[in-house]
Amino acid sequence: MCKTFFSHSPSPVTFLIITLKADKIVMSQTSPLTDDSGFAPGINIREVLKTAPISIFTSTPEGRYISANSATARMFGYDSPQELMDSVTDIGSQQYVNPADRLEFMRLMEEYGELVNHEFQLRRRDGTIFWCSRTAQAVRDGNGRIIAYQGFYTDISNRKRIEMDLRESEARFKALHNASFGGIAIHDQGVILECNQGLSEITGFSLEELIGMNGLLLISEKTREMVMGKIRTGYEKPYEAIGIRKNKEEYPIRLEARNIPYKGKMVRVVEFRDITERKQAEQALILAKEQAEEQARAAELAKKQAQQAGEETRRALNALRVSEEKLYALFSSMTEVVVLHELMLNEQGEPVNYLINDCNEAFTRITGLSKNDVQGKPATEAYQSQTPPYLKEYSRVALTGEPHRFETYFAPMDKYFSISAVCPSIGSFATIATDITEITRMQQMVSAKNKELEQLVYVASHDLRSPLVNVDGYGRELEFAVEDLGKALDWDHDSHAELQAAVRTPLQDMKDALHYIRTSTSQMDALLKGLLKLSRSGRAPLNISSLNMNELMARVIAAMEFQIENSGVGIVMGDLPPCRGDEVQVTQVFSNLLGNALKFLDPGRPGVIRINGNVQDIRCEYCVEDNGIGIEAGHQKNIFELFHRLDPKRSEGEGLGLTIVRQVMERLDGTVRVESEHGQGSRFIVSLPIAPGI
């Protein structure tokens, strides 16, 4: 489709023709229209210009508009083109945000004669600024002198805003990635595929040097073989090693890795954490304890021998002060939470609470409690708890002097901590705590998956063995029946009637036994196929893209058309919003849900299955609703478990359909839930990420 608009210049030299072809705009010139120009008689060129849907103008080099259409007037906030032409006497100073842009425009027009999609900023009548794209060409007289500019404006403010938002979004993502504490790398058998800025800062290598490097070169030869062994075995617990920086400096590190899917294969993501400060702090605390005990003994000796050792006492006290200042400087700058405490005892000398004497800045950052709010206060008041947290463990450290390390969940802050407690002096203790919340929750997720795998192994070993027992039992029955038949054949051939009767019963037993054998083997085969299908769905590589759910659901319904017609059910499908996911996996999900609805229709009423969708914030929700027999409340929490079947006698299948649905949703960052009323029907609600641009 194309549209053409004409704008006449103030002189009878040329007419500007602007032609819209699809998404392109073409400008050309033609000679003045005359009666024999080929156009229909009486055509009103000014009316065409006036009603054109795009901003078309003609202006002079002196800075005035000599023609403009309504779209141009509206763009600048004027009620009519005439008002625009009367009000704007100097385009450069009144409408250009930067008047120098006007001069540059005039220079380019003089040099080239035309300008296409030139972007700059203009000002409306009310002072608001907007971005504009201009396409124009010069109108010259017979001597080649420019007497006018003809062209059109396009408001591109929205596109500019989108471009700015995109740049800001990319900057935020990069900042979050590089703000991660510690170094993070993704590697394949040691070769680094991706890493963050933190790893560059820790090791001294640039990001360009790290990408493609063998990550083992970041590990000292002293512990390199141990780390390689952890990689080979897929070890996933935290452990310590010795790192080596670009400048060959060795330093202590804490490593923790996980196997993850990445671009269609399994690789490892590893966190490097420089624990130099923690090691120094632990050593410093031990050293401080030793120094404190030593200085206390020296002070006591100096007190008894004040006259003879006065100078030595002063030197010892000064050394103690310097040591404490160094320790406090290290204490304040540590990234781990460090807190100094003192036990509170009752009259019987039993620990009942403890005071918080001091804490570092990391304590405030991680707990949200300021130093002024907790210093000098009992633990129960500081943490707003009925009992002092971990009083038993801390009391043992403070009273015996033996260090203690443990990991725990601290409910008031909803965080997991790794805590090391040491005793600087009897009756007091210091704690060094590391926030391990994220790591612990990842470990819990792995544990849950392992538990599910154990359930799978148990069910497989139990349910697959049962059909084999039947095969064995009925096999023996078949063997006995054959023996009976042999005995019958050995009888006297003259007794024909008796022989027939004797043979008929064993033959029937043989048929029954064979029937049960085939049924059991079929059952075993179905279970094995179901397990294989479940295994493959959990390991299949994902191809994430935007999905047209209307087309996808139509294909699912068409594939099940035979079952739908045989069941006589009515399918009602609404408009479904697009989402993001793997097309094969999402098709499997809705095939299973639709098949499940067909299995459990209520024979007492006509079946109806409704499929609807809507957008909830940044998620798409799809509902498959039926008016079938429904699910009892006691069964609803178990229907997504392996081999769970509501009524084995009512329907065929191995009980894996909904398990596969749940597994696929977990892989696609989705969820599935059920709402059902027994005897009324069920609703399965699937949630997936929304497609971009919705």
Foldseek 3Di string as FASTA:
>chain_A
DKDWAWDDDPDQAWIWIWMDDPPDIDIDIDGDDDPPNPDDPPDDRLVRQQPDCFWKFKFFLQAATPDIHCNVCVVQPHPGRVVRRVPTRHCLVQWAPHSVVSVVVVVCCLVPQWDFQDWGWTAHPVGDIFIKTWTWGFDADPVRHGGMIITTIDTCRVVVVVVVVVVVVVVVVLCVQQVDAFKKFWDALQFTQAIHVRVCVVQVNDRVVRHRDRNLLQFDPVCSVVVSVCQVVQPADKDKGWTAHPVRDIAIWIKGKHWDDDPQRTIIMMGTHGCRLVVVLVVLLVVLLVLVVVLVVVLVVCVVVVPVCVVVNVVSVVVNVVSVVVSVVSQQPDLWKKWKKFFDADPVRHGFWIATAFIYPNCCVQQVQDGVQGHGDTQCRSLVHPGRPPRVVQLCCQAVQDKDWDWDQDVSRRFIWTWIWGYSHRRMIMITIDTCRVVVVVVVVVVVVVVLVVVVVVCLVPVLVVLVVLLVVLVVLLVVLVVQLVVLVPDDVVPPVVSVVSNVVSVVSNVVSVVSNVVSVVLSVQQVVLVVVLVCLLSGDADKDKDLVVVLVVVLCVVCVVLCVVLQAAEAEDHFAIFITGSVLVSLLVNLVVVVQSLFAAPVDHKYWYWYWDDDPQKIKIKTKIQGQWDDPVCQVPLLGAQDDRDCVSDDHRSHSSVSNQSRQVVQVKHWHKDIDGRGIIMIMIMHGHHPPD
